[in-house]
Amino acid sequence: MSKKRMFTVVVIVVIFVAGVVFFRRNAFQSTFFAKDKQSQATVANNKVAVEVISPQAVVQGSGLSFKATLEANQEGIVSSKNSGRVIDILFDDGRQVTQGEPLVILDDQDNKNQIKSAESQLEVSKASLQKTEASLENTQRTYDRTKELVEQGAAAQAELDNAETSLKMIKADIASSQANIQAAQTNIDNLNTTLSDMTIRAPITGVIDGKNVSIGQYLSPGTVLGKVKDISLINAVIELDQALIQTVKIGQKASLKLNEDDPNTYEGVVKSINTSADPSSRAFKVKVQLDNKKLSLRPGVSAKVMLMDDAKVQKFAIPVALISGKEGNYSVYINDNGTVRKRAVTVGTLINNQAEIKSGLQGNEAIISTNLNMIQEGDQITVVSE
């Protein structure tokens, strides 16, 4: 083969290979762009699947909230009325006791000895009185007979005077013996009272607090050994500014929570309002009394009290996680017939991951609760669950 013919064959082969490459490239690009357009069309036609919930309506009385300190409804002091040595202690802090229940026992042997001696003296006085009363009968007869003789002229007046004097003396002795008996009985009664007081008892029904006594301790009258606090009813004490005191009245309803996360709400009423303000704070103390039969509220604890008025305000609550934005600019996503709408809301109290919605919701909205990071205002959505 000549060189010229060989060159021609090579050129033809090169042109053929180039054509194949070009054709395959165009075919690949056509296929790629077609698939890309198809993919885009598929994405454009897809809708984000979401779940929705309805806001939970909460009807509550409107009112003002105040910080409060809890205190016992009443408090009794456990103290000694007598002197004595402690030989037994029957209580500990936190124990529930009833009024009159023994708490502390003092050594009462001296008191028992005194009572025994006084009872002996009383028996002697009674015996003496019986003997004197027996003499009175004879003395009275002597006086009566002498008086009769004097009236008949058979006896001198001096004899009657002597008989009268004897009678008076006997009666005086009887009166003295009766007085001694009464004094002895009074002394015994007092000693028995003292003996009874050697057992120190609970002044009221309640819970023991502030125990301050030990075995062997010698007590003086008035020594404070602890306190008994009645917390079956408990008072929440709040302070009201003079500008608000006119809005509160005795018997007004109130509610209490220990903290924002407390699931329990305690109901009560305004029990008392101080007639004068505190000189330093210029605030009035108000006591709200609450039923505490389960003893779940304790004195000294802080709480939050809301004083209720007669108005009823409807509010709503939704999970905190469904709210976006920042303070003063909160919003939620609403399903508007398959379209995402952004709704501005005002947030109130947060309790147990639920947010109080003070304004912005009417209660009939379908609030989007899932895939919030995949949607925005105006997107099309499909609701899969309510």
Protein backbone atom coordinates (compact mmCIF):
# COMPACT_ATOMS: atom_id res chain seq x y z
CA MET A 1 0.00 0.00 0.00
CA SER A 2 1.27 3.40 -0.90
CA LYS A 3 1.93 5.99 1.74
CA LYS A 4 -0.77 8.26 0.31
CA ARG A 5 -3.44 5.60 0.53
CA MET A 6 -2.40 4.63 4.03
CA PHE A 7 -2.70 8.28 5.19
CA THR A 8 -6.19 8.47 3.76
CA VAL A 9 -7.29 5.37 5.72
CA VAL A 10 -5.92 6.82 9.01
CA VAL A 11 -7.78 10.09 8.51
CA ILE A 12 -11.02 8.23 7.91
CA VAL A 13 -10.57 6.17 11.09
CA VAL A 14 -9.85 9.27 13.18
CA ILE A 15 -12.92 11.04 11.83
CA PHE A 16 -15.05 7.98 12.59
CA VAL A 17 -13.80 7.70 16.20
CA ALA A 18 -14.34 11.41 16.78
CA GLY A 19 -17.87 11.13 15.48
CA VAL A 20 -18.67 8.25 17.79
CA VAL A 21 -17.32 10.15 20.80
CA PHE A 22 -19.28 13.28 19.88
CA PHE A 23 -22.49 11.32 19.39
CA ARG A 24 -22.17 9.50 22.70
CA ARG A 25 -21.41 12.77 24.53
CA ASN A 26 -24.48 14.46 23.11
CA ALA A 27 -26.59 11.45 23.96
CA PHE A 28 -25.27 11.46 27.56
CA GLN A 29 -25.91 15.18 28.02
CA SER A 30 -29.42 14.84 26.64
CA THR A 31 -30.16 11.98 28.96
CA PHE A 32 -28.63 13.79 32.02
CA PHE A 33 -30.52 17.02 31.54
CA ALA A 34 -33.71 15.13 30.89
CA LYS A 35 -33.31 13.24 34.16
CA ASP A 36 -32.41 16.45 36.02
CA LYS A 37 -35.53 18.18 34.73
CA GLN A 38 -37.59 15.18 35.66
CA SER A 39 -36.08 15.19 39.17
CA GLN A 40 -36.78 18.88 39.59
CA ALA A 41 -40.31 18.38 38.46
CA THR A 42 -40.71 15.55 40.94
CA VAL A 43 -39.41 17.75 43.85
CA ALA A 44 -41.62 20.62 42.81
CA ASN A 45 -44.66 18.38 42.82
CA ASN A 46 -43.96 16.82 46.26
CA LYS A 47 -45.59 18.34 49.41
CA VAL A 48 -44.12 18.17 52.93
CA ALA A 49 -46.11 15.78 55.10
CA VAL A 50 -46.96 17.28 58.50
CA GLU A 51 -49.07 16.63 61.58
CA VAL A 52 -51.26 19.28 63.15
CA ILE A 53 -52.81 19.87 66.58
CA SER A 54 -55.47 22.19 67.93
CA PRO A 55 -54.71 24.65 70.76
CA GLN A 56 -56.03 23.53 74.14
CA ALA A 57 -58.53 25.96 75.61
CA VAL A 58 -57.91 27.00 79.24
CA VAL A 59 -60.61 28.94 81.06
CA GLN A 60 -59.40 30.62 84.21
CA GLY A 61 -60.17 33.56 86.36
CA SER A 62 -58.06 36.57 85.66
CA GLY A 63 -56.10 38.05 88.53
CA LEU A 64 -52.80 39.29 89.85
CA SER A 65 -49.92 37.09 91.01
CA PHE A 66 -47.84 37.70 94.12
CA LYS A 67 -44.94 36.04 95.88
CA ALA A 68 -46.01 34.44 99.15
CA THR A 69 -44.53 32.80 102.23
CA LEU A 70 -46.39 29.92 103.86
CA GLU A 71 -47.05 29.83 107.58
CA ALA A 72 -49.01 27.57 109.93
CA ASN A 73 -52.62 28.44 110.61
CA GLN A 74 -51.88 28.41 114.34
CA GLU A 75 -48.92 27.61 116.55
CA GLY A 76 -48.73 26.26 120.10
CA ILE A 77 -45.71 26.49 122.38
CA VAL A 78 -44.59 23.34 124.20
CA SER A 79 -43.31 24.59 127.58
CA SER A 80 -42.96 23.52 131.19
CA LYS A 81 -45.31 24.94 133.84
CA ASN A 82 -43.23 23.55 136.71
CA SER A 83 -39.67 22.89 137.68
CA GLY A 84 -38.43 19.36 137.27
CA ARG A 85 -35.97 16.94 135.77
CA VAL A 86 -36.78 15.35 132.41
CA ILE A 87 -37.05 11.55 132.67
CA ASP A 88 -38.76 10.74 129.34
CA ILE A 89 -39.29 12.38 125.91
CA LEU A 90 -42.11 11.09 123.70
CA PHE A 91 -41.79 13.19 120.55
CA ASP A 92 -39.52 14.14 117.66
CA ASP A 93 -39.63 16.88 115.05
CA GLY A 94 -42.05 16.25 112.21
CA ARG A 95 -44.34 13.99 114.22
CA GLN A 96 -48.10 14.56 114.05
CA VAL A 97 -49.59 14.89 117.55
CA THR A 98 -53.06 15.52 118.94
CA GLN A 99 -54.03 18.08 121.55
CA GLY A 100 -53.39 16.75 125.09
CA GLU A 101 -51.02 14.01 123.97
CA PRO A 102 -48.07 13.47 126.41
CA LEU A 103 -44.78 14.81 125.06
CA VAL A 104 -42.36 15.09 128.02
CA ILE A 105 -42.40 13.42 131.45
CA LEU A 106 -40.79 15.13 134.49
CA ASP A 107 -39.74 13.46 137.74
CA ASP A 108 -42.82 13.77 139.99
CA GLN A 109 -41.77 11.85 143.11
CA ASP A 110 -41.49 14.98 145.28
CA ASN A 111 -44.97 16.03 144.19
CA LYS A 112 -46.41 12.63 145.12
CA ASN A 113 -44.75 12.85 148.56
CA GLN A 114 -46.23 16.31 149.11
CA ILE A 115 -49.68 15.07 148.16
CA LYS A 116 -49.39 12.16 150.58
CA SER A 117 -48.38 14.52 153.41
CA ALA A 118 -51.21 16.94 152.61
CA GLU A 119 -53.74 14.08 152.58
CA SER A 120 -52.53 13.02 156.04
CA GLN A 121 -53.00 16.54 157.36
CA LEU A 122 -56.47 16.62 155.85
CA GLU A 123 -57.43 13.43 157.72
CA VAL A 124 -56.19 14.94 161.00
CA SER A 125 -58.23 18.09 160.39
CA LYS A 126 -61.35 16.05 159.61
CA ALA A 127 -60.92 13.99 162.81
CA SER A 128 -60.50 17.16 164.84
CA LEU A 129 -63.63 18.61 163.31
CA GLN A 130 -65.65 15.51 164.16
CA LYS A 131 -64.48 15.71 167.80
CA THR A 132 -65.31 19.42 168.02
CA GLU A 133 -68.71 18.90 166.44
CA ALA A 134 -69.43 16.24 169.12
CA SER A 135 -68.53 18.75 171.86
CA LEU A 136 -70.76 21.33 170.24
CA GLU A 137 -73.84 19.21 170.87
CA ASN A 138 -73.11 19.00 174.64
CA THR A 139 -72.16 22.66 174.91
CA GLN A 140 -75.32 23.66 173.10
CA ARG A 141 -77.46 21.60 175.56
CA THR A 142 -75.65 23.13 178.54
CA TYR A 143 -76.28 26.62 177.22
CA ASP A 144 -79.96 25.93 176.57
CA ARG A 145 -80.51 24.47 180.08
CA THR A 146 -78.68 27.31 181.77
CA LYS A 147 -80.67 29.90 179.87
CA GLU A 148 -83.91 28.21 180.94
CA LEU A 149 -82.81 28.21 184.61
CA VAL A 150 -81.83 31.87 184.45
CA GLU A 151 -85.23 32.72 183.04
CA GLN A 152 -86.83 30.78 185.97
CA GLY A 153 -84.57 32.57 188.48
CA ALA A 154 -82.89 29.33 189.44
CA ALA A 155 -79.43 30.24 188.08
CA ALA A 156 -77.25 33.34 188.01
CA GLN A 157 -76.65 35.38 184.86
CA ALA A 158 -72.93 34.73 185.19
CA GLU A 159 -73.53 31.02 184.59
CA LEU A 160 -75.38 31.81 181.38
CA ASP A 161 -72.58 34.12 180.25
CA ASN A 162 -70.04 31.37 180.81
CA ALA A 163 -72.16 28.86 178.88
CA GLU A 164 -72.54 31.30 176.00
CA THR A 165 -68.79 31.91 175.90
CA SER A 166 -68.13 28.17 175.76
CA LEU A 167 -70.63 27.79 172.94
CA LYS A 168 -69.03 30.55 170.93
CA MET A 169 -65.58 29.05 171.40
CA ILE A 170 -66.79 25.64 170.22
CA LYS A 171 -68.37 27.19 167.12
CA ALA A 172 -65.16 29.13 166.44
CA ASP A 173 -63.14 25.93 166.70
CA ILE A 174 -65.50 24.23 164.26
CA ALA A 175 -65.20 27.12 161.78
CA SER A 176 -61.41 27.00 162.12
CA SER A 177 -61.35 23.25 161.55
CA GLN A 178 -63.59 23.62 158.49
CA ALA A 179 -61.29 26.33 157.15
CA ASN A 180 -58.28 24.08 157.74
CA ILE A 181 -59.99 21.25 155.94
CA GLN A 182 -60.84 23.51 153.00
CA ALA A 183 -57.27 24.81 152.84
CA ALA A 184 -55.90 21.27 152.98
CA GLN A 185 -58.23 20.18 150.21
CA THR A 186 -57.26 23.19 148.08
CA ASN A 187 -53.59 22.38 148.68
CA ILE A 188 -54.17 18.78 147.60
CA ASP A 189 -56.01 19.95 144.48
CA ASN A 190 -53.13 22.28 143.62
CA LEU A 191 -50.60 19.53 144.20
CA ASN A 192 -52.58 17.19 141.96
CA THR A 193 -52.64 19.88 139.27
CA THR A 194 -48.90 20.29 139.65
CA LEU A 195 -48.51 16.53 139.45
CA SER A 196 -50.56 16.46 136.25
CA ASP A 197 -48.40 19.26 134.83
CA MET A 198 -45.30 17.14 135.37
CA THR A 199 -46.48 15.47 132.16
CA ILE A 200 -46.07 18.12 129.46
CA ARG A 201 -48.73 17.73 126.76
CA ALA A 202 -49.36 18.99 123.22
CA PRO A 203 -51.15 22.37 123.40
CA ILE A 204 -52.88 21.87 120.03
CA THR A 205 -53.17 19.26 117.29
CA GLY A 206 -50.45 19.60 114.68
CA VAL A 207 -46.88 18.81 113.70
CA ILE A 208 -43.95 19.08 116.13
CA ASP A 209 -41.20 21.53 115.21
CA GLY A 210 -38.15 23.03 116.94
CA LYS A 211 -37.51 20.28 119.51
CA ASN A 212 -35.29 21.66 122.31
CA VAL A 213 -35.13 19.22 125.24
CA SER A 214 -32.98 16.30 126.40
CA ILE A 215 -33.15 13.52 128.99
CA GLY A 216 -31.89 14.63 132.43
CA GLN A 217 -32.36 18.32 131.70
CA TYR A 218 -33.70 20.34 134.63
CA LEU A 219 -36.50 22.61 133.51
CA SER A 220 -37.68 25.87 134.98
CA PRO A 221 -41.23 27.13 134.56
CA GLY A 222 -41.69 28.63 131.10
CA THR A 223 -38.85 26.73 129.42
CA VAL A 224 -39.76 26.32 125.71
CA LEU A 225 -39.28 22.74 124.53
CA GLY A 226 -40.66 23.02 120.98
CA LYS A 227 -43.66 24.09 118.95
CA VAL A 228 -46.75 22.39 117.57
CA LYS A 229 -47.90 23.84 114.27
CA ASP A 230 -51.39 23.28 112.95
CA ILE A 231 -50.96 22.97 109.18
CA SER A 232 -54.25 21.27 108.33
CA LEU A 233 -55.04 24.79 107.21
CA ILE A 234 -52.13 26.90 106.02
CA ASN A 235 -51.77 30.60 105.34
CA ALA A 236 -49.98 32.15 102.38
CA VAL A 237 -48.82 35.62 103.37
CA ILE A 238 -48.45 38.21 100.62
CA GLU A 239 -47.76 41.94 100.64
CA LEU A 240 -49.91 44.36 98.65
CA ASP A 241 -49.04 47.89 97.66
CA GLN A 242 -51.44 50.58 98.88
CA ALA A 243 -52.56 51.11 95.28
CA LEU A 244 -53.87 47.52 95.13
CA ILE A 245 -55.23 47.01 98.63
CA GLN A 246 -58.64 48.42 97.67
CA THR A 247 -59.05 45.72 95.01
CA VAL A 248 -58.86 42.86 97.55
CA LYS A 249 -61.63 41.74 99.91
CA ILE A 250 -62.15 39.12 102.60
CA GLY A 251 -63.39 35.84 101.11
CA GLN A 252 -61.96 36.57 97.66
CA LYS A 253 -60.90 33.40 95.84
CA ALA A 254 -57.21 32.67 95.28
CA SER A 255 -55.02 29.91 93.90
CA LEU A 256 -51.48 28.85 94.81
CA LYS A 257 -48.62 27.03 93.13
CA LEU A 258 -45.29 26.23 94.75
CA ASN A 259 -43.50 26.97 91.46
CA GLU A 260 -44.16 27.28 87.74
CA ASP A 261 -43.59 23.56 87.13
CA ASP A 262 -45.81 22.39 89.98
CA PRO A 263 -48.71 20.37 88.51
CA ASN A 264 -50.76 20.92 91.67
CA THR A 265 -52.91 23.98 92.23
CA TYR A 266 -54.22 24.75 95.72
CA GLU A 267 -57.43 26.71 96.13
CA GLY A 268 -58.03 29.17 98.95
CA VAL A 269 -59.66 32.42 100.02
CA VAL A 270 -58.46 35.70 101.49
CA LYS A 271 -58.72 35.27 105.27
CA SER A 272 -57.41 38.58 106.63
CA ILE A 273 -56.13 41.98 105.52
CA ASN A 274 -54.04 44.14 107.84
CA THR A 275 -55.71 47.44 108.61
CA SER A 276 -52.41 49.32 108.54
CA ALA A 277 -49.36 49.17 106.29
CA ASP A 278 -45.90 48.12 107.37
CA PRO A 279 -44.00 51.31 108.31
CA SER A 280 -40.90 50.36 106.33
CA SER A 281 -42.33 48.74 103.18
CA ARG A 282 -45.63 50.68 103.10
CA ALA A 283 -47.26 47.39 102.11
CA PHE A 284 -50.28 45.62 103.59
CA LYS A 285 -50.03 42.01 104.68
CA VAL A 286 -52.77 39.76 103.32
CA LYS A 287 -53.31 36.15 104.42
CA VAL A 288 -54.77 33.60 102.03
CA GLN A 289 -55.99 30.47 103.80
CA LEU A 290 -55.75 27.10 102.01
CA ASP A 291 -56.94 23.60 102.83
CA ASN A 292 -53.92 21.39 103.55
CA LYS A 293 -55.44 18.10 104.77
CA LYS A 294 -52.76 16.09 102.94
CA LEU A 295 -50.04 18.17 104.67
CA SER A 296 -48.28 18.69 101.35
CA LEU A 297 -47.71 22.39 102.09
CA ARG A 298 -45.17 23.30 104.79
CA PRO A 299 -44.49 26.53 106.71
CA GLY A 300 -41.56 28.67 105.58
CA VAL A 301 -41.84 27.64 101.92
CA SER A 302 -42.18 30.29 99.21
CA ALA A 303 -44.97 30.09 96.66
CA LYS A 304 -46.91 32.06 94.08
CA VAL A 305 -50.44 33.22 94.82
CA MET A 306 -52.95 34.51 92.29
CA LEU A 307 -55.86 36.57 93.59
CA MET A 308 -58.81 35.88 91.33
CA ASP A 309 -61.51 38.29 90.21
CA ASP A 310 -64.96 37.46 88.90
CA ALA A 311 -64.08 37.88 85.21
CA LYS A 312 -63.48 34.81 83.07
CA VAL A 313 -60.80 34.97 80.39
CA GLN A 314 -60.32 32.24 77.76
CA LYS A 315 -56.72 31.44 76.97
CA PHE A 316 -54.99 28.65 75.06
CA ALA A 317 -52.00 26.38 75.64
CA ILE A 318 -49.73 24.66 73.12
CA PRO A 319 -46.37 22.84 73.40
CA VAL A 320 -43.45 25.24 73.75
CA ALA A 321 -41.56 23.45 70.92
CA LEU A 322 -44.09 24.68 68.35
CA ILE A 323 -43.26 28.34 69.01
CA SER A 324 -40.52 30.08 67.05
CA GLY A 325 -38.97 33.53 67.30
CA LYS A 326 -37.82 35.52 70.29
CA GLU A 327 -39.41 37.51 73.07
CA GLY A 328 -41.82 40.06 71.67
CA ASN A 329 -41.85 38.37 68.26
CA TYR A 330 -43.16 34.83 68.72
CA SER A 331 -45.08 32.92 66.04
CA VAL A 332 -46.50 29.52 65.10
CA TYR A 333 -47.15 27.83 61.74
CA ILE A 334 -50.80 27.29 60.79
CA ASN A 335 -52.27 25.02 58.13
CA ASP A 336 -54.45 27.17 55.86
CA ASN A 337 -56.12 24.70 53.50
CA GLY A 338 -52.81 23.05 52.63
CA THR A 339 -50.72 26.23 52.72
CA VAL A 340 -48.33 27.21 55.51
CA ARG A 341 -49.24 30.48 57.25
CA LYS A 342 -47.20 32.17 59.95
CA ARG A 343 -49.25 33.46 62.90
CA ALA A 344 -47.91 35.93 65.47
CA VAL A 345 -48.76 35.05 69.09
CA THR A 346 -48.22 36.49 72.54
CA VAL A 347 -46.81 34.02 75.07
CA GLY A 348 -47.69 34.03 78.77
CA THR A 349 -46.89 31.52 81.51
CA LEU A 350 -44.82 28.39 80.76
CA ILE A 351 -45.90 25.28 82.70
CA ASN A 352 -44.77 21.69 82.08
CA ASN A 353 -43.47 22.49 78.57
CA GLN A 354 -46.82 24.04 77.71
CA ALA A 355 -46.99 27.72 76.75
CA GLU A 356 -49.94 29.90 77.60
CA ILE A 357 -51.01 31.83 74.47
CA LYS A 358 -52.47 35.12 75.64
CA SER A 359 -53.34 36.38 72.15
CA GLY A 360 -53.07 35.36 68.50
CA LEU A 361 -55.19 32.20 68.54
CA GLN A 362 -58.94 31.75 68.35
CA GLY A 363 -58.92 28.06 69.24
CA ASN A 364 -59.98 26.68 65.82
CA GLU A 365 -56.53 26.73 64.20
CA ALA A 366 -54.65 23.67 62.96
CA ILE A 367 -51.15 24.25 64.28
CA ILE A 368 -48.35 22.42 62.43
CA SER A 369 -46.51 20.25 64.93
CA THR A 370 -43.93 18.28 62.84
CA ASN A 371 -41.24 18.97 60.20
CA LEU A 372 -41.10 22.62 61.24
CA ASN A 373 -37.54 22.90 59.93
CA MET A 374 -38.70 21.93 56.42
CA ILE A 375 -41.43 24.53 55.93
CA GLN A 376 -41.83 28.25 55.58
CA GLU A 377 -44.55 30.78 54.86
CA GLY A 378 -46.48 29.87 51.68
CA ASP A 379 -45.26 26.27 51.34
CA GLN A 380 -47.71 23.59 50.28
CA ILE A 381 -48.20 20.78 52.80
CA THR A 382 -50.09 17.53 53.22
CA VAL A 383 -51.67 16.80 56.63
CA VAL A 384 -51.15 13.16 57.58
CA SER A 385 -52.43 13.25 61.15
CA GLU A 386 -54.37 15.49 63.48
